[in-house]
């Protein structure tokens, strides 16, 4: 083997090793991007997720579930409403009964019964809109917020 062919072989091997190193680096960066709580030094740490992030993920999973399976298999309007109210609370948005009913993916009368029940349980508060007295604003109560955050922290 000539010196020129050895040099060419070394250059080819260097290029291939460099490509492999770049691929590993790219994959390591992707893992770190997908799981930012995982240190790059290989140590394992439990991911820390904010309750609002967990809540939004739950809502998205529920939407996906209904997209792929019959909706009546997963009929939990109270849970859908509590999650929607938690997100609205976090975003400092006011929800009225009509908007809340729409988030429940259930018949209006069923949703209204659940709103009554959630209010009786002290998980939500209802207030008449001061501008339009026909509208009722709905929000999580302090105990409702604490209950949802406790659950979200437990599953995070």
N, C-alpha and C. Protein backbone atom coordinates (compact mmCIF):
# COMPACT_ATOMS: atom_id res chain seq x y z
N UNK A 1 0.85 -1.17 0.00
CA UNK A 1 0.00 0.00 0.00
C UNK A 1 0.90 1.24 0.00
N UNK A 2 0.61 2.16 -0.86
CA UNK A 2 1.44 3.36 -1.00
C UNK A 2 1.08 4.39 0.07
N UNK A 3 2.00 5.32 0.26
CA UNK A 3 1.78 6.39 1.23
C UNK A 3 0.52 7.19 0.89
N UNK A 4 0.30 7.42 -0.39
CA UNK A 4 -0.86 8.20 -0.85
C UNK A 4 -2.16 7.48 -0.50
N UNK A 5 -2.20 6.16 -0.67
CA UNK A 5 -3.43 5.42 -0.36
C UNK A 5 -3.65 5.34 1.15
N UNK A 6 -2.58 5.29 1.92
CA UNK A 6 -2.72 5.30 3.39
C UNK A 6 -3.27 6.64 3.85
N UNK A 7 -2.77 7.73 3.30
CA UNK A 7 -3.25 9.07 3.63
C UNK A 7 -4.72 9.19 3.25
N UNK A 8 -5.10 8.70 2.07
CA UNK A 8 -6.50 8.75 1.61
C UNK A 8 -7.39 7.94 2.56
N UNK A 9 -6.90 6.77 2.98
CA UNK A 9 -7.66 5.92 3.90
C UNK A 9 -7.85 6.61 5.25
N UNK A 10 -6.81 7.24 5.76
CA UNK A 10 -6.89 7.96 7.04
C UNK A 10 -7.87 9.12 6.93
N UNK A 11 -7.82 9.85 5.82
CA UNK A 11 -8.75 10.97 5.62
C UNK A 11 -10.19 10.46 5.55
N UNK A 12 -10.39 9.35 4.86
CA UNK A 12 -11.74 8.78 4.75
C UNK A 12 -12.25 8.34 6.12
N UNK A 13 -11.41 7.66 6.90
CA UNK A 13 -11.78 7.20 8.25
C UNK A 13 -12.07 8.40 9.16
N UNK A 14 -11.27 9.46 9.04
CA UNK A 14 -11.47 10.67 9.85
C UNK A 14 -12.82 11.30 9.52
N UNK A 15 -13.15 11.37 8.25
CA UNK A 15 -14.43 11.95 7.83
C UNK A 15 -15.60 11.12 8.38
N UNK A 16 -15.46 9.80 8.30
CA UNK A 16 -16.54 8.92 8.80
C UNK A 16 -16.68 9.04 10.31
N UNK A 17 -15.56 9.06 11.04
CA UNK A 17 -15.62 9.21 12.49
C UNK A 17 -16.20 10.57 12.88
N UNK A 18 -15.86 11.58 12.12
CA UNK A 18 -16.40 12.91 12.38
C UNK A 18 -17.92 12.92 12.18
N UNK A 19 -18.39 12.25 11.14
CA UNK A 19 -19.84 12.16 10.88
C UNK A 19 -20.55 11.41 12.01
N UNK A 20 -19.93 10.34 12.50
CA UNK A 20 -20.50 9.58 13.62
C UNK A 20 -20.55 10.45 14.87
N UNK A 21 -19.47 11.18 15.15
CA UNK A 21 -19.42 12.06 16.32
C UNK A 21 -20.48 13.15 16.21
N UNK A 22 -20.65 13.72 15.03
CA UNK A 22 -21.70 14.74 14.83
C UNK A 22 -23.09 14.16 15.08
N UNK A 23 -23.33 12.95 14.60
CA UNK A 23 -24.64 12.29 14.79
C UNK A 23 -24.90 12.06 16.28
N UNK A 24 -23.90 11.56 17.00
CA UNK A 24 -24.07 11.35 18.45
C UNK A 24 -24.33 12.67 19.17
N UNK A 25 -23.61 13.70 18.79
CA UNK A 25 -23.79 15.01 19.40
C UNK A 25 -25.20 15.54 19.15
N UNK A 26 -25.67 15.40 17.91
CA UNK A 26 -27.01 15.85 17.55
C UNK A 26 -28.08 15.09 18.35
N UNK A 27 -27.90 13.79 18.48
CA UNK A 27 -28.87 12.99 19.24
C UNK A 27 -28.84 13.34 20.72
N UNK A 28 -27.68 13.59 21.27
CA UNK A 28 -27.57 14.00 22.68
C UNK A 28 -28.26 15.33 22.90
N UNK A 29 -28.07 16.26 21.97
CA UNK A 29 -28.75 17.56 22.07
C UNK A 29 -30.26 17.39 22.00
N UNK A 30 -30.74 16.50 21.14
CA UNK A 30 -32.17 16.26 21.00
C UNK A 30 -32.74 15.67 22.29
N UNK A 31 -32.03 14.72 22.88
CA UNK A 31 -32.49 14.14 24.14
C UNK A 31 -32.56 15.21 25.20
N UNK A 32 -31.56 16.06 25.25
CA UNK A 32 -31.55 17.13 26.25
C UNK A 32 -32.67 18.14 25.98
N UNK A 33 -32.97 18.42 24.72
CA UNK A 33 -34.07 19.33 24.38
C UNK A 33 -35.40 18.73 24.78
N UNK A 34 -35.59 17.43 24.51
CA UNK A 34 -36.84 16.75 24.86
C UNK A 34 -37.01 16.58 26.35
N UNK A 35 -35.90 16.43 27.06
CA UNK A 35 -35.91 16.20 28.51
C UNK A 35 -34.90 17.13 29.16
N UNK A 36 -35.21 18.43 29.26
CA UNK A 36 -34.22 19.39 29.74
C UNK A 36 -33.75 19.16 31.16
N UNK A 37 -34.52 18.42 31.97
CA UNK A 37 -34.09 18.18 33.34
C UNK A 37 -33.00 17.10 33.39
N UNK A 38 -32.75 16.42 32.27
CA UNK A 38 -31.73 15.40 32.24
C UNK A 38 -30.39 16.06 31.95
N UNK A 39 -29.46 16.00 32.90
CA UNK A 39 -28.16 16.63 32.69
C UNK A 39 -27.41 15.99 31.53
N UNK A 40 -26.60 16.77 30.83
CA UNK A 40 -25.84 16.24 29.71
C UNK A 40 -24.70 15.33 30.15
N UNK A 41 -24.34 15.37 31.43
CA UNK A 41 -23.23 14.54 31.88
C UNK A 41 -23.63 13.08 32.11
N UNK A 42 -24.88 12.74 31.79
CA UNK A 42 -25.32 11.36 31.90
C UNK A 42 -25.99 11.04 33.21
N UNK A 43 -25.89 11.92 34.21
CA UNK A 43 -26.55 11.66 35.48
C UNK A 43 -28.06 11.70 35.26
N UNK A 44 -28.78 10.93 36.05
CA UNK A 44 -30.22 10.92 35.89
C UNK A 44 -30.86 11.77 36.97
N UNK A 45 -31.81 12.55 36.56
CA UNK A 45 -32.57 13.39 37.48
C UNK A 45 -34.03 13.31 37.08
N UNK A 46 -34.90 13.35 38.05
CA UNK A 46 -36.33 13.31 37.75
C UNK A 46 -36.72 14.61 37.07
N UNK A 47 -37.47 14.52 35.96
CA UNK A 47 -37.89 15.76 35.30
C UNK A 47 -38.83 16.55 36.19
N UNK A 48 -38.64 17.85 36.18
CA UNK A 48 -39.50 18.73 36.96
C UNK A 48 -40.44 19.40 35.97
N UNK A 49 -41.73 19.15 36.16
CA UNK A 49 -42.69 19.75 35.24
C UNK A 49 -43.64 20.63 36.04
N UNK A 50 -43.89 21.79 35.50
CA UNK A 50 -44.82 22.72 36.12
C UNK A 50 -46.23 22.14 36.04
N UNK A 51 -47.06 22.40 37.05
CA UNK A 51 -48.44 21.89 37.02
C UNK A 51 -49.20 22.32 35.76
N UNK A 52 -48.99 23.54 35.28
CA UNK A 52 -49.71 23.98 34.08
C UNK A 52 -49.30 23.18 32.87
N UNK A 53 -48.03 22.79 32.79
CA UNK A 53 -47.54 21.97 31.69
C UNK A 53 -48.20 20.60 31.73
N UNK A 54 -48.29 20.03 32.91
CA UNK A 54 -48.94 18.73 33.08
C UNK A 54 -50.41 18.84 32.70
N UNK A 55 -51.06 19.91 33.13
CA UNK A 55 -52.48 20.11 32.84
C UNK A 55 -52.71 20.22 31.34
N UNK A 56 -51.92 21.01 30.68
CA UNK A 56 -52.08 21.15 29.22
C UNK A 56 -51.85 19.83 28.51
N UNK A 57 -50.89 19.06 29.01
CA UNK A 57 -50.63 17.75 28.41
C UNK A 57 -51.83 16.83 28.60
N UNK A 58 -52.43 16.85 29.79
CA UNK A 58 -53.63 16.04 30.03
C UNK A 58 -54.76 16.43 29.08
N UNK A 59 -54.97 17.72 28.90
CA UNK A 59 -56.02 18.18 27.99
C UNK A 59 -55.75 17.69 26.56
N UNK A 60 -54.51 17.79 26.14
CA UNK A 60 -54.17 17.34 24.79
C UNK A 60 -54.36 15.84 24.65
N UNK A 61 -53.97 15.07 25.67
CA UNK A 61 -54.15 13.62 25.62
C UNK A 61 -55.64 13.27 25.55
N UNK A 62 -56.47 14.02 26.26
CA UNK A 62 -57.91 13.77 26.24
C UNK A 62 -58.48 14.05 24.84
N UNK A 63 -58.00 15.13 24.20
CA UNK A 63 -58.46 15.44 22.83
C UNK A 63 -58.03 14.33 21.87
N UNK A 64 -56.80 13.87 22.01
CA UNK A 64 -56.31 12.81 21.14
C UNK A 64 -57.10 11.52 21.33
N UNK A 65 -57.42 11.23 22.58
CA UNK A 65 -58.20 10.04 22.88
C UNK A 65 -59.52 10.06 22.13
N UNK A 66 -60.20 11.21 22.17
CA UNK A 66 -61.51 11.34 21.51
C UNK A 66 -61.37 11.30 19.99
N UNK A 67 -60.22 11.68 19.48
CA UNK A 67 -60.02 11.66 18.04
C UNK A 67 -59.89 10.22 17.53
N UNK A 68 -59.37 9.33 18.35
CA UNK A 68 -59.10 7.97 17.90
C UNK A 68 -60.10 6.93 18.40
N UNK A 69 -60.84 7.27 19.44
CA UNK A 69 -61.79 6.32 20.02
C UNK A 69 -63.13 7.00 20.22
N UNK A 70 -64.20 6.22 20.35
CA UNK A 70 -65.51 6.85 20.56
C UNK A 70 -65.52 7.73 21.81
N UNK A 71 -66.02 8.95 21.65
CA UNK A 71 -66.01 9.94 22.74
C UNK A 71 -66.79 9.47 23.96
N UNK A 72 -67.85 8.68 23.76
CA UNK A 72 -68.65 8.27 24.91
C UNK A 72 -67.93 7.28 25.82
N UNK A 73 -66.78 6.79 25.42
CA UNK A 73 -65.98 5.94 26.30
C UNK A 73 -65.32 6.76 27.42
N UNK A 74 -65.16 8.05 27.19
CA UNK A 74 -64.40 8.89 28.11
C UNK A 74 -65.22 10.10 28.52
N UNK A 75 -66.37 9.88 29.03
CA UNK A 75 -67.29 10.96 29.36
C UNK A 75 -67.07 11.43 30.80
N UNK A 76 -66.23 12.45 30.96
CA UNK A 76 -65.95 13.02 32.27
C UNK A 76 -66.02 14.54 32.18
N UNK A 77 -67.22 15.09 32.00
CA UNK A 77 -67.32 16.55 31.83
C UNK A 77 -66.79 17.34 33.02
N UNK A 78 -66.95 16.84 34.21
CA UNK A 78 -66.47 17.58 35.39
C UNK A 78 -64.95 17.72 35.33
N UNK A 79 -64.27 16.65 34.98
CA UNK A 79 -62.81 16.69 34.89
C UNK A 79 -62.36 17.62 33.78
N UNK A 80 -63.02 17.54 32.61
CA UNK A 80 -62.68 18.44 31.51
C UNK A 80 -62.85 19.90 31.94
N UNK A 81 -63.91 20.19 32.65
CA UNK A 81 -64.16 21.56 33.09
C UNK A 81 -63.12 22.02 34.12
N UNK A 82 -62.76 21.16 35.05
CA UNK A 82 -61.76 21.52 36.05
C UNK A 82 -60.41 21.82 35.40
N UNK A 83 -60.03 21.00 34.43
CA UNK A 83 -58.76 21.24 33.73
C UNK A 83 -58.83 22.54 32.94
N UNK A 84 -59.94 22.78 32.26
CA UNK A 84 -60.09 24.03 31.50
C UNK A 84 -60.06 25.24 32.43
N UNK A 85 -60.69 25.13 33.58
CA UNK A 85 -60.68 26.24 34.54
C UNK A 85 -59.28 26.47 35.10
N UNK A 86 -58.52 25.41 35.29
CA UNK A 86 -57.15 25.57 35.79
C UNK A 86 -56.31 26.33 34.76
N UNK A 87 -56.43 25.96 33.50
CA UNK A 87 -55.68 26.67 32.45
C UNK A 87 -56.13 28.13 32.38
N UNK A 88 -57.43 28.36 32.41
CA UNK A 88 -57.95 29.74 32.36
C UNK A 88 -57.44 30.54 33.56
N UNK A 89 -57.41 29.93 34.73
CA UNK A 89 -56.91 30.60 35.93
C UNK A 89 -55.44 30.97 35.75
N UNK A 90 -54.66 30.03 35.22
CA UNK A 90 -53.23 30.27 35.01
C UNK A 90 -53.01 31.40 34.01
N UNK A 91 -53.86 31.46 32.98
CA UNK A 91 -53.74 32.49 31.95
C UNK A 91 -54.49 33.77 32.33
N UNK A 92 -55.06 33.79 33.52
CA UNK A 92 -55.82 34.94 34.02
C UNK A 92 -56.97 35.33 33.08
N UNK A 93 -57.62 34.28 32.54
CA UNK A 93 -58.79 34.48 31.69
C UNK A 93 -60.04 34.19 32.49
N UNK A 94 -61.09 34.92 32.19
CA UNK A 94 -62.37 34.68 32.84
C UNK A 94 -63.19 33.77 31.94
N UNK A 95 -63.77 32.74 32.52
CA UNK A 95 -64.64 31.84 31.76
C UNK A 95 -66.08 32.07 32.21
N UNK A 96 -66.98 32.07 31.25
CA UNK A 96 -68.38 32.10 31.61
C UNK A 96 -68.96 30.70 31.44
N UNK A 97 -70.18 30.52 31.85
CA UNK A 97 -70.79 29.19 31.81
C UNK A 97 -70.80 28.64 30.38
N UNK A 98 -71.14 29.48 29.41
CA UNK A 98 -71.22 29.02 28.02
C UNK A 98 -69.86 28.49 27.55
N UNK A 99 -68.79 29.22 27.82
CA UNK A 99 -67.45 28.78 27.42
C UNK A 99 -67.06 27.50 28.14
N UNK A 100 -67.38 27.43 29.42
CA UNK A 100 -67.04 26.24 30.20
C UNK A 100 -67.80 25.01 29.70
N UNK A 101 -69.07 25.19 29.39
CA UNK A 101 -69.87 24.09 28.84
C UNK A 101 -69.25 23.60 27.54
N UNK A 102 -68.78 24.51 26.71
CA UNK A 102 -68.14 24.14 25.45
C UNK A 102 -66.87 23.33 25.64
N UNK A 103 -66.18 23.53 26.75
CA UNK A 103 -64.94 22.80 27.00
C UNK A 103 -65.19 21.38 27.48
N UNK A 104 -66.42 21.10 27.88
CA UNK A 104 -66.72 19.80 28.49
C UNK A 104 -67.05 18.71 27.49
N UNK A 105 -67.33 19.08 26.24
CA UNK A 105 -67.67 18.08 25.23
C UNK A 105 -68.81 17.18 25.72
N UNK A 106 -69.83 17.83 26.28
CA UNK A 106 -71.00 17.11 26.80
C UNK A 106 -72.23 17.96 26.52
N UNK A 107 -73.42 17.37 26.59
CA UNK A 107 -74.63 18.15 26.41
C UNK A 107 -74.71 19.29 27.43
N UNK A 108 -75.36 20.38 27.03
CA UNK A 108 -75.45 21.57 27.87
C UNK A 108 -76.06 21.25 29.23
N UNK A 109 -77.16 20.51 29.25
CA UNK A 109 -77.82 20.23 30.53
C UNK A 109 -76.93 19.39 31.44
N UNK A 110 -76.22 18.43 30.87
CA UNK A 110 -75.29 17.61 31.67
C UNK A 110 -74.19 18.49 32.24
N UNK A 111 -73.63 19.34 31.40
CA UNK A 111 -72.56 20.22 31.86
C UNK A 111 -73.05 21.16 32.96
N UNK A 112 -74.25 21.71 32.79
CA UNK A 112 -74.79 22.61 33.81
C UNK A 112 -75.02 21.89 35.14
N UNK A 113 -75.46 20.65 35.08
CA UNK A 113 -75.62 19.87 36.32
C UNK A 113 -74.26 19.68 37.00
N UNK A 114 -73.22 19.41 36.20
CA UNK A 114 -71.89 19.23 36.77
C UNK A 114 -71.36 20.54 37.35
N UNK A 115 -71.66 21.65 36.70
CA UNK A 115 -71.24 22.95 37.24
C UNK A 115 -71.90 23.16 38.60
N UNK A 116 -73.18 22.85 38.70
CA UNK A 116 -73.88 22.96 40.00
C UNK A 116 -73.21 22.07 41.04
N UNK A 117 -72.90 20.85 40.66
CA UNK A 117 -72.30 19.90 41.59
C UNK A 117 -70.89 20.35 42.03
N UNK A 118 -70.11 20.83 41.08
CA UNK A 118 -68.77 21.31 41.42
C UNK A 118 -68.84 22.51 42.36
N UNK A 119 -69.85 23.37 42.17
CA UNK A 119 -70.03 24.51 43.07
C UNK A 119 -70.42 24.04 44.47
N UNK A 120 -71.30 23.04 44.55
CA UNK A 120 -71.71 22.50 45.85
C UNK A 120 -70.53 21.88 46.58
N UNK A 121 -69.62 21.27 45.82
CA UNK A 121 -68.43 20.67 46.42
C UNK A 121 -67.39 21.71 46.82
N UNK A 122 -67.61 22.96 46.40
CA UNK A 122 -66.68 24.03 46.74
C UNK A 122 -65.44 24.06 45.86
N UNK A 123 -65.49 23.39 44.72
CA UNK A 123 -64.33 23.36 43.83
C UNK A 123 -64.31 24.53 42.85
N UNK A 124 -65.49 25.12 42.60
CA UNK A 124 -65.56 26.27 41.70
C UNK A 124 -66.39 27.38 42.35
N UNK A 125 -66.20 28.58 41.86
CA UNK A 125 -66.99 29.73 42.28
C UNK A 125 -67.75 30.25 41.07
N UNK A 126 -68.97 30.72 41.30
CA UNK A 126 -69.77 31.35 40.24
C UNK A 126 -70.12 32.76 40.69
N UNK A 127 -69.96 33.71 39.77
CA UNK A 127 -70.26 35.11 40.05
C UNK A 127 -71.01 35.68 38.86
N UNK A 128 -72.03 36.45 39.13
CA UNK A 128 -72.77 37.11 38.06
C UNK A 128 -71.89 38.20 37.45
N UNK A 129 -71.82 38.22 36.12
CA UNK A 129 -71.05 39.24 35.41
C UNK A 129 -71.64 40.60 35.75
N UNK A 130 -70.81 41.54 36.27
CA UNK A 130 -71.36 42.84 36.67
C UNK A 130 -71.86 43.69 35.49
N UNK A 131 -71.36 43.44 34.29
CA UNK A 131 -71.78 44.21 33.11
C UNK A 131 -73.01 43.60 32.45
N UNK A 132 -72.99 42.29 32.28
CA UNK A 132 -74.13 41.58 31.66
C UNK A 132 -74.64 40.57 32.68
N UNK A 133 -75.68 40.93 33.39
CA UNK A 133 -76.18 40.12 34.50
C UNK A 133 -76.73 38.77 34.04
N UNK A 134 -76.88 38.58 32.73
CA UNK A 134 -77.34 37.28 32.23
C UNK A 134 -76.20 36.26 32.21
N UNK A 135 -74.97 36.75 32.23
CA UNK A 135 -73.80 35.87 32.17
C UNK A 135 -73.30 35.54 33.57
N UNK A 136 -72.86 34.31 33.72
CA UNK A 136 -72.27 33.85 34.99
C UNK A 136 -70.81 33.52 34.72
N UNK A 137 -69.92 34.14 35.48
CA UNK A 137 -68.49 33.85 35.39
C UNK A 137 -68.18 32.69 36.33
N UNK A 138 -67.33 31.80 35.86
CA UNK A 138 -66.97 30.60 36.64
C UNK A 138 -65.46 30.56 36.78
N UNK A 139 -64.99 30.23 37.96
CA UNK A 139 -63.55 30.10 38.20
C UNK A 139 -63.31 29.02 39.24
N UNK A 140 -62.08 28.55 39.31
CA UNK A 140 -61.72 27.60 40.36
C UNK A 140 -61.74 28.33 41.70
N UNK A 141 -62.23 27.66 42.71
CA UNK A 141 -62.12 28.21 44.06
C UNK A 141 -60.69 27.94 44.55
N UNK A 142 -60.34 28.52 45.68
CA UNK A 142 -59.00 28.25 46.24
C UNK A 142 -58.82 26.77 46.52
N UNK A 143 -59.85 26.13 47.09
CA UNK A 143 -59.72 24.70 47.38
C UNK A 143 -59.68 23.88 46.09
N UNK A 144 -60.41 24.31 45.06
CA UNK A 144 -60.36 23.62 43.77
C UNK A 144 -58.99 23.72 43.14
N UNK A 145 -58.38 24.90 43.21
CA UNK A 145 -57.04 25.11 42.66
C UNK A 145 -56.02 24.24 43.40
N UNK A 146 -56.12 24.23 44.72
CA UNK A 146 -55.19 23.41 45.52
C UNK A 146 -55.35 21.93 45.21
N UNK A 147 -56.59 21.49 45.03
CA UNK A 147 -56.85 20.07 44.74
C UNK A 147 -56.26 19.71 43.38
N UNK A 148 -56.48 20.54 42.38
CA UNK A 148 -55.96 20.26 41.03
C UNK A 148 -54.43 20.29 41.06
N UNK A 149 -53.85 21.30 41.70
CA UNK A 149 -52.39 21.39 41.76
C UNK A 149 -51.79 20.21 42.53
N UNK A 150 -52.46 19.76 43.57
CA UNK A 150 -51.99 18.59 44.31
C UNK A 150 -51.96 17.36 43.41
N UNK A 151 -53.04 17.18 42.65
CA UNK A 151 -53.10 16.04 41.73
C UNK A 151 -52.01 16.14 40.65
N UNK A 152 -51.91 17.33 40.04
CA UNK A 152 -50.92 17.52 38.97
C UNK A 152 -49.50 17.31 39.48
N UNK A 153 -49.22 17.76 40.68
CA UNK A 153 -47.88 17.55 41.27
C UNK A 153 -47.64 16.06 41.52
N UNK A 154 -48.67 15.35 41.94
CA UNK A 154 -48.52 13.93 42.24
C UNK A 154 -48.23 13.11 40.99
N UNK A 155 -48.77 13.52 39.85
CA UNK A 155 -48.55 12.73 38.64
C UNK A 155 -47.36 13.24 37.82
N UNK A 156 -46.80 14.39 38.19
CA UNK A 156 -45.71 14.99 37.37
C UNK A 156 -44.45 14.18 37.45
